Protein backbone atom coordinates (compact mmCIF):
# COMPACT_ATOMS: atom_id res chain seq x y z
CA PHE A 1 11.43 18.41 -6.11
CA PHE A 2 7.74 17.44 -6.31
CA SER A 3 6.95 19.91 -9.11
CA ASN A 4 9.20 18.24 -11.70
CA PRO A 5 7.07 17.05 -14.66
CA ASN A 6 9.33 14.05 -15.31
CA PRO A 7 7.42 11.03 -13.88
CA PHE A 8 10.54 8.86 -13.62
CA TYR A 9 12.21 11.48 -11.44
CA THR A 10 9.13 11.69 -9.23
CA MET A 11 8.86 7.91 -8.95
CA GLN A 12 12.49 7.62 -7.87
CA TRP A 13 12.04 10.25 -5.17
CA ALA A 14 8.83 8.59 -4.06
CA LYS A 15 10.63 5.26 -3.68
CA VAL A 16 13.36 6.97 -1.67
CA LEU A 17 10.77 8.63 0.58
CA TYR A 18 8.95 5.31 1.01
CA LEU A 19 12.13 3.48 2.02
CA LEU A 20 13.19 6.35 4.28
CA GLY A 21 9.77 6.26 5.95
CA LEU A 22 10.05 2.51 6.50
CA ALA A 23 13.55 2.87 7.93
CA LEU A 24 12.44 5.64 10.28
CA MET A 25 9.45 3.55 11.33
CA VAL A 26 11.71 0.60 12.19
CA HIS A 27 13.97 2.96 14.14
CA ALA A 28 11.01 4.40 16.06
CA ILE A 29 9.80 0.88 16.90
CA ILE A 30 13.24 -0.12 18.16
CA SER A 31 13.50 3.10 20.19
CA ALA A 32 10.07 2.48 21.72
CA ALA A 33 11.06 -1.09 22.62
CA GLN A 34 14.26 0.13 24.28
CA HIS A 35 12.29 2.75 26.18
CA ARG A 36 9.85 0.07 27.34
CA GLN A 37 12.73 -2.02 28.67
CA GLU A 38 14.07 1.02 30.56
CA VAL A 39 10.62 1.66 32.05
CA GLU A 40 10.31 -1.97 33.17
CA SER A 41 13.69 -1.79 34.86
CA GLY A 42 12.62 1.39 36.67
CA GLU A 43 15.09 3.77 35.09
CA GLU A 44 12.64 6.16 33.39
CA ARG A 45 9.07 7.39 33.63
CA ASP A 46 6.15 5.57 32.03
CA THR A 47 5.30 7.83 29.04
CA ILE A 48 6.86 7.54 25.59
CA PRO A 49 9.13 10.51 24.83
CA ALA A 50 7.92 13.09 22.32
CA ASP A 51 10.84 12.51 19.95
CA ILE A 52 9.84 8.87 19.43
CA ILE A 53 6.22 9.85 18.79
CA PHE A 54 7.30 12.61 16.38
CA GLU A 55 9.63 10.22 14.56
CA GLY A 56 6.84 7.67 14.21
CA VAL A 57 4.39 10.23 12.82
CA VAL A 58 6.96 11.59 10.33
CA ALA A 59 7.85 8.04 9.28
CA PHE A 60 4.19 7.19 8.76
CA VAL A 61 3.58 10.30 6.64
CA LEU A 62 6.70 9.71 4.50
CA ALA A 63 5.89 6.03 3.97
CA CYS A 64 2.26 6.78 3.06
CA HIS A 65 3.22 9.56 0.65
CA GLY A 66 5.86 7.40 -1.04
CA TYR A 67 3.53 4.41 -1.33
CA ILE A 68 0.66 6.44 -2.74
CA THR A 69 2.94 8.14 -5.27
CA VAL A 70 4.54 4.88 -6.43
CA SER A 71 1.31 2.84 -6.60
CA LYS A 72 -0.80 2.74 -9.72
CA PHE A 73 -4.38 3.14 -8.59
CA GLU A 74 -7.34 2.57 -10.88
CA PRO A 75 -9.99 5.26 -11.07
CA ILE A 76 -13.11 4.68 -9.00
CA GLN A 77 -15.42 5.57 -11.86
CA LYS A 78 -15.12 2.87 -14.49
CA LYS A 79 -17.43 4.59 -16.96
CA ARG A 80 -14.81 4.92 -19.71
CA LEU A 81 -13.71 1.31 -19.25
CA LEU A 82 -17.25 -0.10 -19.26
CA GLU A 83 -18.39 1.89 -22.32
CA LYS A 84 -16.04 -0.13 -24.53
CA LYS A 85 -17.39 -3.52 -23.46
CA THR A 86 -20.49 -5.23 -24.82
CA PHE A 87 -23.13 -7.16 -22.91
CA GLU A 88 -21.66 -10.47 -24.11
CA HIS A 89 -18.44 -9.62 -22.31
CA PHE A 90 -20.25 -9.59 -18.96
CA THR A 91 -22.26 -12.78 -19.55
CA TYR A 92 -19.34 -14.90 -20.78
CA ARG A 93 -18.44 -17.31 -17.98
CA PRO A 94 -16.06 -20.06 -19.07
CA ASN A 95 -16.23 -21.70 -15.63
CA PHE A 96 -19.85 -22.67 -16.25
CA MET A 97 -19.18 -24.37 -19.59
CA VAL A 98 -19.59 -28.13 -19.24
CA PHE A 99 -18.55 -30.37 -22.12
CA ASN A 100 -18.97 -33.71 -20.37
CA HIS A 101 -22.78 -33.98 -20.07
CA ARG A 102 -25.62 -36.41 -20.89
CA GLY A 103 -26.47 -34.77 -24.21
CA LYS A 104 -23.24 -36.05 -25.71
CA ARG A 105 -24.32 -39.71 -25.24
CA GLY A 106 -27.45 -39.31 -27.34
CA GLN A 107 -25.56 -38.43 -30.52
């Protein structure tokens, strides 16, 4: 389903993967907390089971993939963006404009 050229279709699947990853991550956190309580009560051994670790890793990968696909990142190289702007665009600073100064009293 990732090879579909329709961007809306891809964005919807990416949102689903992102939400699924977050839900799995919450489930892995809850499972780890329950396991910790069982360890403190002396029922189980001290290490986290492999299924919780695997679920956490899968959840992290799904959430990262969905977030990266949904997000709109800007390119690192801004050459095309900066070529369109003039020098005056970079030196214009409206925060440094002061209209209430001593020169106004002399007029």
